[in-house]
Amino acid sequence: MAIEIEVENIKCGGCANSISKGLMEDARIKSVEVDIENSRVSFEGDDAARHDAIKKLLKMGYPEKGSVEGIKAATAKAKSFASCAMGRMAEDG
């Protein structure tokens, strides 16, 4: 089934690359697409994959929109910078 998650902290292609690579590590998730402009992540999967994808995205610094506040939001933003940098290096490499 098609799943779409609105997330925070997507800034560029490096972010998109990291998100795609991270989610594709789960064999249940297929064809990840990242809409940078609208901060949306879409993929084919089931409800269990959606739940795990939300956890993975949070761990990478891209929480589901509205799911974290305060210090957790600041921590997620900091993690997203690291994920973004890794995604940029992968694009260049």
PDB file of N, CA and C in Angstrom:
ATOM      1  N   MET A   1       0.839  -1.172   0.000  1.00  0.00           N
ATOM      2  CA  MET A   1       0.000   0.000   0.000  1.00  0.00           C
ATOM      3  C   MET A   1       0.885   1.235   0.000  1.00  0.00           C
ATOM      4  N   ALA A   2       0.394   2.301  -0.586  1.00  0.00           N
ATOM      5  CA  ALA A   2       1.138   3.560  -0.638  1.00  0.00           C
ATOM      6  C   ALA A   2       1.033   4.263   0.712  1.00  0.00           C
ATOM      7  N   ILE A   3       2.182   4.683   1.228  1.00  0.00           N
ATOM      8  CA  ILE A   3       2.245   5.354   2.524  1.00  0.00           C
ATOM      9  C   ILE A   3       2.932   6.694   2.333  1.00  0.00           C
ATOM     10  N   GLU A   4       2.383   7.725   2.964  1.00  0.00           N
ATOM     11  CA  GLU A   4       2.979   9.053   2.910  1.00  0.00           C
ATOM     12  C   GLU A   4       3.092   9.580   4.331  1.00  0.00           C
ATOM     13  N   ILE A   5       4.271  10.105   4.656  1.00  0.00           N
ATOM     14  CA  ILE A   5       4.524  10.657   5.988  1.00  0.00           C
ATOM     15  C   ILE A   5       5.043  12.073   5.812  1.00  0.00           C
ATOM     16  N   GLU A   6       4.412  13.024   6.476  1.00  0.00           N
ATOM     17  CA  GLU A   6       4.899  14.400   6.465  1.00  0.00           C
ATOM     18  C   GLU A   6       5.911  14.533   7.599  1.00  0.00           C
ATOM     19  N   VAL A   7       7.118  14.977   7.262  1.00  0.00           N
ATOM     20  CA  VAL A   7       8.197  15.030   8.242  1.00  0.00           C
ATOM     21  C   VAL A   7       8.780  16.432   8.367  1.00  0.00           C
ATOM     22  N   GLU A   8       9.590  16.613   9.390  1.00  0.00           N
ATOM     23  CA  GLU A   8      10.255  17.894   9.630  1.00  0.00           C
ATOM     24  C   GLU A   8      11.732  17.795   9.270  1.00  0.00           C
ATOM     25  N   ASN A   9      12.358  18.936   9.044  1.00  0.00           N
ATOM     26  CA  ASN A   9      13.801  19.094   8.882  1.00  0.00           C
ATOM     27  C   ASN A   9      14.375  18.695   7.524  1.00  0.00           C
ATOM     28  N   ILE A  10      13.551  18.396   6.522  1.00  0.00           N
ATOM     29  CA  ILE A  10      14.109  18.121   5.193  1.00  0.00           C
ATOM     30  C   ILE A  10      14.509  19.447   4.572  1.00  0.00           C
ATOM     31  N   LYS A  11      15.789  19.539   4.172  1.00  0.00           N
ATOM     32  CA  LYS A  11      16.296  20.793   3.636  1.00  0.00           C
ATOM     33  C   LYS A  11      16.802  20.692   2.201  1.00  0.00           C
ATOM     34  N   CYS A  12      17.304  19.507   1.807  1.00  0.00           N
ATOM     35  CA  CYS A  12      17.980  19.443   0.512  1.00  0.00           C
ATOM     36  C   CYS A  12      18.061  18.010  -0.005  1.00  0.00           C
ATOM     37  N   GLY A  13      18.763  17.867  -1.111  1.00  0.00           N
ATOM     38  CA  GLY A  13      18.961  16.555  -1.701  1.00  0.00           C
ATOM     39  C   GLY A  13      19.771  15.619  -0.821  1.00  0.00           C
ATOM     40  N   GLY A  14      20.675  16.179  -0.003  1.00  0.00           N
ATOM     41  CA  GLY A  14      21.423  15.344   0.934  1.00  0.00           C
ATOM     42  C   GLY A  14      20.503  14.688   1.936  1.00  0.00           C
ATOM     43  N   CYS A  15      19.544  15.456   2.430  1.00  0.00           N
ATOM     44  CA  CYS A  15      18.536  14.906   3.350  1.00  0.00           C
ATOM     45  C   CYS A  15      17.749  13.798   2.649  1.00  0.00           C
ATOM     46  N   ALA A  16      17.296  14.091   1.438  1.00  0.00           N
ATOM     47  CA  ALA A  16      16.502  13.126   0.672  1.00  0.00           C
ATOM     48  C   ALA A  16      17.288  11.843   0.434  1.00  0.00           C
ATOM     49  N   ASN A  17      18.562  11.979   0.100  1.00  0.00           N
ATOM     50  CA  ASN A  17      19.405  10.813  -0.145  1.00  0.00           C
ATOM     51  C   ASN A  17      19.536   9.965   1.118  1.00  0.00           C
ATOM     52  N   SER A  18      19.783  10.605   2.257  1.00  0.00           N
ATOM     53  CA  SER A  18      19.903   9.876   3.522  1.00  0.00           C
ATOM     54  C   SER A  18      18.600   9.178   3.888  1.00  0.00           C
ATOM     55  N   ILE A  19      17.487   9.866   3.707  1.00  0.00           N
ATOM     56  CA  ILE A  19      16.180   9.282   4.023  1.00  0.00           C
ATOM     57  C   ILE A  19      15.926   8.056   3.149  1.00  0.00           C
ATOM     58  N   SER A  20      16.136   8.205   1.849  1.00  0.00           N
ATOM     59  CA  SER A  20      15.900   7.081   0.933  1.00  0.00           C
ATOM     60  C   SER A  20      16.767   5.890   1.296  1.00  0.00           C
ATOM     61  N   LYS A  21      18.049   6.139   1.487  1.00  0.00           N
ATOM     62  CA  LYS A  21      18.981   5.064   1.821  1.00  0.00           C
ATOM     63  C   LYS A  21      18.602   4.402   3.144  1.00  0.00           C
ATOM     64  N   GLY A  22      18.286   5.209   4.147  1.00  0.00           N
ATOM     65  CA  GLY A  22      17.924   4.673   5.454  1.00  0.00           C
ATOM     66  C   GLY A  22      16.664   3.820   5.423  1.00  0.00           C
ATOM     67  N   LEU A  23      15.646   4.287   4.731  1.00  0.00           N
ATOM     68  CA  LEU A  23      14.391   3.533   4.683  1.00  0.00           C
ATOM     69  C   LEU A  23      14.505   2.278   3.831  1.00  0.00           C
ATOM     70  N   MET A  24      15.322   2.327   2.782  1.00  0.00           N
ATOM     71  CA  MET A  24      15.464   1.161   1.911  1.00  0.00           C
ATOM     72  C   MET A  24      16.230   0.017   2.592  1.00  0.00           C
ATOM     73  N   GLU A  25      16.814   0.258   3.761  1.00  0.00           N
ATOM     74  CA  GLU A  25      17.446  -0.817   4.532  1.00  0.00           C
ATOM     75  C   GLU A  25      16.403  -1.819   5.014  1.00  0.00           C
ATOM     76  N   ASP A  26      15.143  -1.401   5.100  1.00  0.00           N
ATOM     77  CA  ASP A  26      14.038  -2.270   5.507  1.00  0.00           C
ATOM     78  C   ASP A  26      13.492  -2.948   4.252  1.00  0.00           C
ATOM     79  N   ALA A  27      13.608  -4.264   4.165  1.00  0.00           N
ATOM     80  CA  ALA A  27      13.192  -5.011   2.972  1.00  0.00           C
ATOM     81  C   ALA A  27      11.699  -4.869   2.672  1.00  0.00           C
ATOM     82  N   ARG A  28      10.912  -4.475   3.658  1.00  0.00           N
ATOM     83  CA  ARG A  28       9.467  -4.313   3.434  1.00  0.00           C
ATOM     84  C   ARG A  28       9.133  -3.018   2.717  1.00  0.00           C
ATOM     85  N   ILE A  29      10.080  -2.093   2.681  1.00  0.00           N
ATOM     86  CA  ILE A  29       9.833  -0.778   2.090  1.00  0.00           C
ATOM     87  C   ILE A  29      10.357  -0.747   0.666  1.00  0.00           C
ATOM     88  N   LYS A  30       9.508  -0.317  -0.241  1.00  0.00           N
ATOM     89  CA  LYS A  30       9.852  -0.255  -1.663  1.00  0.00           C
ATOM     90  C   LYS A  30       9.675   1.160  -2.190  1.00  0.00           C
ATOM     91  N   SER A  31      10.436   1.504  -3.177  1.00  0.00           N
ATOM     92  CA  SER A  31      10.317   2.741  -3.962  1.00  0.00           C
ATOM     93  C   SER A  31      10.096   4.006  -3.122  1.00  0.00           C
ATOM     94  N   VAL A  32      11.087   4.378  -2.355  1.00  0.00           N
ATOM     95  CA  VAL A  32      11.013   5.579  -1.518  1.00  0.00           C
ATOM     96  C   VAL A  32      11.129   6.826  -2.393  1.00  0.00           C
ATOM     97  N   GLU A  33      10.250   7.791  -2.153  1.00  0.00           N
ATOM     98  CA  GLU A  33      10.316   9.084  -2.816  1.00  0.00           C
ATOM     99  C   GLU A  33      10.273  10.165  -1.743  1.00  0.00           C
ATOM    100  N   VAL A  34      11.130  11.173  -1.898  1.00  0.00           N
ATOM    101  CA  VAL A  34      11.182  12.269  -0.938  1.00  0.00           C
ATOM    102  C   VAL A  34      10.851  13.562  -1.665  1.00  0.00           C
ATOM    103  N   ASP A  35       9.800  14.225  -1.218  1.00  0.00           N
ATOM    104  CA  ASP A  35       9.378  15.521  -1.760  1.00  0.00           C
ATOM    105  C   ASP A  35       9.950  16.588  -0.830  1.00  0.00           C
ATOM    106  N   ILE A  36      11.089  17.149  -1.232  1.00  0.00           N
ATOM    107  CA  ILE A  36      11.787  18.122  -0.393  1.00  0.00           C
ATOM    108  C   ILE A  36      10.922  19.353  -0.159  1.00  0.00           C
ATOM    109  N   GLU A  37      10.330  19.873  -1.220  1.00  0.00           N
ATOM    110  CA  GLU A  37       9.553  21.113  -1.130  1.00  0.00           C
ATOM    111  C   GLU A  37       8.386  21.011  -0.160  1.00  0.00           C
ATOM    112  N   ASN A  38       7.724  19.849  -0.127  1.00  0.00           N
ATOM    113  CA  ASN A  38       6.549  19.674   0.726  1.00  0.00           C
ATOM    114  C   ASN A  38       6.828  18.840   1.976  1.00  0.00           C
ATOM    115  N   SER A  39       8.090  18.489   2.193  1.00  0.00           N
ATOM    116  CA  SER A  39       8.511  17.724   3.382  1.00  0.00           C
ATOM    117  C   SER A  39       7.724  16.434   3.552  1.00  0.00           C
ATOM    118  N   ARG A  40       7.625  15.669   2.455  1.00  0.00           N
ATOM    119  CA  ARG A  40       6.883  14.409   2.500  1.00  0.00           C
ATOM    120  C   ARG A  40       7.770  13.251   2.043  1.00  0.00           C
ATOM    121  N   VAL A  41       7.591  12.118   2.703  1.00  0.00           N
ATOM    122  CA  VAL A  41       8.266  10.885   2.343  1.00  0.00           C
ATOM    123  C   VAL A  41       7.180   9.881   1.964  1.00  0.00           C
ATOM    124  N   SER A  42       7.311   9.283   0.789  1.00  0.00           N
ATOM    125  CA  SER A  42       6.328   8.312   0.313  1.00  0.00           C
ATOM    126  C   SER A  42       7.040   7.008  -0.031  1.00  0.00           C
ATOM    127  N   PHE A  43       6.355   5.901   0.217  1.00  0.00           N
ATOM    128  CA  PHE A  43       6.906   4.600  -0.137  1.00  0.00           C
ATOM    129  C   PHE A  43       5.799   3.558  -0.172  1.00  0.00           C
ATOM    130  N   GLU A  44       6.132   2.411  -0.725  1.00  0.00           N
ATOM    131  CA  GLU A  44       5.224   1.273  -0.720  1.00  0.00           C
ATOM    132  C   GLU A  44       5.592   0.386   0.460  1.00  0.00           C
ATOM    133  N   GLY A  45       4.608   0.011   1.251  1.00  0.00           N
ATOM    134  CA  GLY A  45       4.841  -0.845   2.405  1.00  0.00           C
ATOM    135  C   GLY A  45       3.542  -1.127   3.131  1.00  0.00           C
ATOM    136  N   ASP A  46       3.640  -1.764   4.292  1.00  0.00           N
ATOM    137  CA  ASP A  46       2.448  -2.060   5.090  1.00  0.00           C
ATOM    138  C   ASP A  46       2.448  -1.215   6.368  1.00  0.00           C
ATOM    139  N   ASP A  47       1.422  -1.402   7.206  1.00  0.00           N
ATOM    140  CA  ASP A  47       1.317  -0.604   8.430  1.00  0.00           C
ATOM    141  C   ASP A  47       2.495  -0.808   9.373  1.00  0.00           C
ATOM    142  N   ALA A  48       2.990  -2.033   9.467  1.00  0.00           N
ATOM    143  CA  ALA A  48       4.142  -2.300  10.333  1.00  0.00           C
ATOM    144  C   ALA A  48       5.375  -1.564   9.804  1.00  0.00           C
ATOM    145  N   ALA A  49       5.545  -1.558   8.480  1.00  0.00           N
ATOM    146  CA  ALA A  49       6.666  -0.843   7.872  1.00  0.00           C
ATOM    147  C   ALA A  49       6.527   0.653   8.127  1.00  0.00           C
ATOM    148  N   ARG A  50       5.295   1.176   8.084  1.00  0.00           N
ATOM    149  CA  ARG A  50       5.066   2.597   8.357  1.00  0.00           C
ATOM    150  C   ARG A  50       5.515   2.947   9.770  1.00  0.00           C
ATOM    151  N   HIS A  51       5.114   2.132  10.714  1.00  0.00           N
ATOM    152  CA  HIS A  51       5.479   2.353  12.117  1.00  0.00           C
ATOM    153  C   HIS A  51       7.004   2.361  12.282  1.00  0.00           C
ATOM    154  N   ASP A  52       7.660   1.379  11.684  1.00  0.00           N
ATOM    155  CA  ASP A  52       9.117   1.295  11.788  1.00  0.00           C
ATOM    156  C   ASP A  52       9.800   2.432  11.042  1.00  0.00           C
ATOM    157  N   ALA A  53       9.213   2.871   9.922  1.00  0.00           N
ATOM    158  CA  ALA A  53       9.774   3.994   9.163  1.00  0.00           C
ATOM    159  C   ALA A  53       9.717   5.277   9.987  1.00  0.00           C
ATOM    160  N   ILE A  54       8.635   5.489  10.708  1.00  0.00           N
ATOM    161  CA  ILE A  54       8.509   6.676  11.562  1.00  0.00           C
ATOM    162  C   ILE A  54       9.593   6.658  12.640  1.00  0.00           C
ATOM    163  N   LYS A  55       9.840   5.496  13.231  1.00  0.00           N
ATOM    164  CA  LYS A  55      10.904   5.381  14.236  1.00  0.00           C
ATOM    165  C   LYS A  55      12.270   5.639  13.614  1.00  0.00           C
ATOM    166  N   LYS A  56      12.512   5.098  12.441  1.00  0.00           N
ATOM    167  CA  LYS A  56      13.794   5.280  11.753  1.00  0.00           C
ATOM    168  C   LYS A  56      14.000   6.754  11.391  1.00  0.00           C
ATOM    169  N   LEU A  57      12.959   7.382  10.856  1.00  0.00           N
ATOM    170  CA  LEU A  57      13.051   8.795  10.487  1.00  0.00           C
ATOM    171  C   LEU A  57      13.373   9.655  11.705  1.00  0.00           C
ATOM    172  N   LEU A  58      12.740   9.384  12.831  1.00  0.00           N
ATOM    173  CA  LEU A  58      13.015  10.127  14.062  1.00  0.00           C
ATOM    174  C   LEU A  58      14.475   9.942  14.470  1.00  0.00           C
ATOM    175  N   LYS A  59      14.943   8.714  14.421  1.00  0.00           N
ATOM    176  CA  LYS A  59      16.331   8.424  14.794  1.00  0.00           C
ATOM    177  C   LYS A  59      17.309   9.189  13.893  1.00  0.00           C
ATOM    178  N   MET A  60      16.941   9.389  12.633  1.00  0.00           N
ATOM    179  CA  MET A  60      17.790  10.096  11.674  1.00  0.00           C
ATOM    180  C   MET A  60      17.653  11.611  11.784  1.00  0.00           C
ATOM    181  N   GLY A  61      16.642  12.083  12.532  1.00  0.00           N
ATOM    182  CA  GLY A  61      16.440  13.520  12.701  1.00  0.00           C
ATOM    183  C   GLY A  61      15.315  14.105  11.874  1.00  0.00           C
ATOM    184  N   TYR A  62      14.472  13.238  11.331  1.00  0.00           N
ATOM    185  CA  TYR A  62      13.348  13.686  10.502  1.00  0.00           C
ATOM    186  C   TYR A  62      12.035  13.162  11.098  1.00  0.00           C
ATOM    187  N   PRO A  63      11.598  13.739  12.238  1.00  0.00           N
ATOM    188  CA  PRO A  63      10.385  13.235  12.897  1.00  0.00           C
ATOM    189  C   PRO A  63       9.126  13.543  12.094  1.00  0.00           C
ATOM    190  N   GLU A  64       8.120  12.716  12.322  1.00  0.00           N
ATOM    191  CA  GLU A  64       6.822  12.987  11.722  1.00  0.00           C
ATOM    192  C   GLU A  64       6.359  14.359  12.203  1.00  0.00           C
ATOM    193  N   LYS A  65       5.796  15.141  11.312  1.00  0.00           N
ATOM    194  CA  LYS A  65       5.397  16.512  11.633  1.00  0.00           C
ATOM    195  C   LYS A  65       4.496  16.531  12.861  1.00  0.00           C
ATOM    196  N   GLY A  66       4.861  17.392  13.821  1.00  0.00           N
ATOM    197  CA  GLY A  66       4.067  17.579  15.028  1.00  0.00           C
ATOM    198  C   GLY A  66       4.260  16.525  16.102  1.00  0.00           C
ATOM    199  N   SER A  67       5.200  15.595  15.896  1.00  0.00           N
ATOM    200  CA  SER A  67       5.341  14.500  16.855  1.00  0.00           C
ATOM    201  C   SER A  67       6.341  14.782  17.972  1.00  0.00           C
ATOM    202  N   VAL A  68       7.190  15.804  17.820  1.00  0.00           N
ATOM    203  CA  VAL A  68       8.159  16.132  18.865  1.00  0.00           C
ATOM    204  C   VAL A  68       8.147  17.631  19.126  1.00  0.00           C
ATOM    205  N   GLU A  69       8.467  17.995  20.364  1.00  0.00           N
ATOM    206  CA  GLU A  69       8.503  19.409  20.761  1.00  0.00           C
ATOM    207  C   GLU A  69       9.710  19.650  21.655  1.00  0.00           C
ATOM    208  N   GLY A  70      10.011  20.914  21.859  1.00  0.00           N
ATOM    209  CA  GLY A  70      11.040  21.313  22.814  1.00  0.00           C
ATOM    210  C   GLY A  70      12.403  20.720  22.527  1.00  0.00           C
ATOM    211  N   ILE A  71      13.002  20.146  23.554  1.00  0.00           N
ATOM    212  CA  ILE A  71      14.357  19.608  23.445  1.00  0.00           C
ATOM    213  C   ILE A  71      14.413  18.451  22.447  1.00  0.00           C
ATOM    214  N   LYS A  72      13.356  17.660  22.365  1.00  0.00           N
ATOM    215  CA  LYS A  72      13.337  16.560  21.400  1.00  0.00           C
ATOM    216  C   LYS A  72      13.359  17.089  19.972  1.00  0.00           C
ATOM    217  N   ALA A  73      12.675  18.196  19.737  1.00  0.00           N
ATOM    218  CA  ALA A  73      12.682  18.810  18.401  1.00  0.00           C
ATOM    219  C   ALA A  73      14.067  19.348  18.083  1.00  0.00           C
ATOM    220  N   ALA A  74      14.718  19.975  19.068  1.00  0.00           N
ATOM    221  CA  ALA A  74      16.069  20.506  18.864  1.00  0.00           C
ATOM    222  C   ALA A  74      17.058  19.377  18.607  1.00  0.00           C
ATOM    223  N   THR A  75      16.907  18.274  19.326  1.00  0.00           N
ATOM    224  CA  THR A  75      17.778  17.117  19.131  1.00  0.00           C
ATOM    225  C   THR A  75      17.574  16.530  17.736  1.00  0.00           C
ATOM    226  N   ALA A  76      16.311  16.440  17.305  1.00  0.00           N
ATOM    227  CA  ALA A  76      16.023  15.918  15.966  1.00  0.00           C
ATOM    228  C   ALA A  76      16.653  16.809  14.898  1.00  0.00           C
ATOM    229  N   LYS A  77      16.563  18.114  15.082  1.00  0.00           N
ATOM    230  CA  LYS A  77      17.146  19.041  14.112  1.00  0.00           C
ATOM    231  C   LYS A  77      18.657  18.841  14.019  1.00  0.00           C
ATOM    232  N   ALA A  78      19.313  18.669  15.159  1.00  0.00           N
ATOM    233  CA  ALA A  78      20.764  18.443  15.163  1.00  0.00           C
ATOM    234  C   ALA A  78      21.112  17.136  14.452  1.00  0.00           C
ATOM    235  N   LYS A  79      20.327  16.095  14.693  1.00  0.00           N
ATOM    236  CA  LYS A  79      20.565  14.813  14.025  1.00  0.00           C
ATOM    237  C   LYS A  79      20.363  14.939  12.520  1.00  0.00           C
ATOM    238  N   SER A  80      19.391  15.762  12.111  1.00  0.00           N
ATOM    239  CA  SER A  80      19.126  15.909  10.679  1.00  0.00           C
ATOM    240  C   SER A  80      20.311  16.545   9.966  1.00  0.00           C
ATOM    241  N   PHE A  81      21.041  17.449  10.657  1.00  0.00           N
ATOM    242  CA  PHE A  81      22.227  18.048  10.044  1.00  0.00           C
ATOM    243  C   PHE A  81      23.268  16.975   9.737  1.00  0.00           C
ATOM    244  N   ALA A  82      23.455  16.054  10.669  1.00  0.00           N
ATOM    245  CA  ALA A  82      24.420  14.970  10.454  1.00  0.00           C
ATOM    246  C   ALA A  82      23.959  14.047   9.331  1.00  0.00           C
ATOM    247  N   SER A  83      22.673  13.689   9.323  1.00  0.00           N
ATOM    248  CA  SER A  83      22.142  12.833   8.268  1.00  0.00           C
ATOM    249  C   SER A  83      22.268  13.513   6.906  1.00  0.00           C
ATOM    250  N   CYS A  84      21.995  14.803   6.871  1.00  0.00           N
ATOM    251  CA  CYS A  84      22.093  15.567   5.643  1.00  0.00           C
ATOM    252  C   CYS A  84      23.529  15.548   5.124  1.00  0.00           C
ATOM    253  N   ALA A  85      24.479  15.774   6.012  1.00  0.00           N
ATOM    254  CA  ALA A  85      25.895  15.794   5.603  1.00  0.00           C
ATOM    255  C   ALA A  85      26.300  14.430   5.028  1.00  0.00           C
ATOM    256  N   MET A  86      25.848  13.353   5.656  1.00  0.00           N
ATOM    257  CA  MET A  86      26.155  12.025   5.155  1.00  0.00           C
ATOM    258  C   MET A  86      25.533  11.823   3.778  1.00  0.00           C
ATOM    259  N   GLY A  87      24.317  12.307   3.590  1.00  0.00           N
ATOM    260  CA  GLY A  87      23.651  12.181   2.297  1.00  0.00           C
ATOM    261  C   GLY A  87      24.361  12.987   1.214  1.00  0.00           C
ATOM    262  N   ARG A  88      24.871  14.138   1.572  1.00  0.00           N
ATOM    263  CA  ARG A  88      25.621  14.943   0.603  1.00  0.00           C
ATOM    264  C   ARG A  88      26.920  14.261   0.199  1.00  0.00           C
ATOM    265  N   MET A  89      27.601  13.675   1.163  1.00  0.00           N
ATOM    266  CA  MET A  89      28.841  12.969   0.842  1.00  0.00           C
ATOM    267  C   MET A  89      28.557  11.787  -0.077  1.00  0.00           C
ATOM    268  N   ALA A  90      27.450  11.094   0.142  1.00  0.00           N
ATOM    269  CA  ALA A  90      27.094   9.969  -0.714  1.00  0.00           C
ATOM    270  C   ALA A  90      26.784  10.441  -2.129  1.00  0.00           C
ATOM    271  N   GLU A  91      26.156  11.621  -2.261  1.00  0.00           N
ATOM    272  CA  GLU A  91      25.862  12.170  -3.589  1.00  0.00           C
ATOM    273  C   GLU A  91      27.150  12.482  -4.330  1.00  0.00           C
ATOM    274  N   ASP A  92      28.123  13.034  -3.615  1.00  0.00           N
ATOM    275  CA  ASP A  92      29.380  13.457  -4.220  1.00  0.00           C
ATOM    276  C   ASP A  92      30.308  12.274  -4.506  1.00  0.00           C
ATOM    277  N   GLY A  93      30.138  11.197  -3.713  1.00  0.00           N
ATOM    278  CA  GLY A  93      31.062  10.083  -3.783  1.00  0.00           C
ATOM    279  C   GLY A  93      30.786   9.162  -4.886  1.00  0.00           C
TER     280      GLY A  93
END
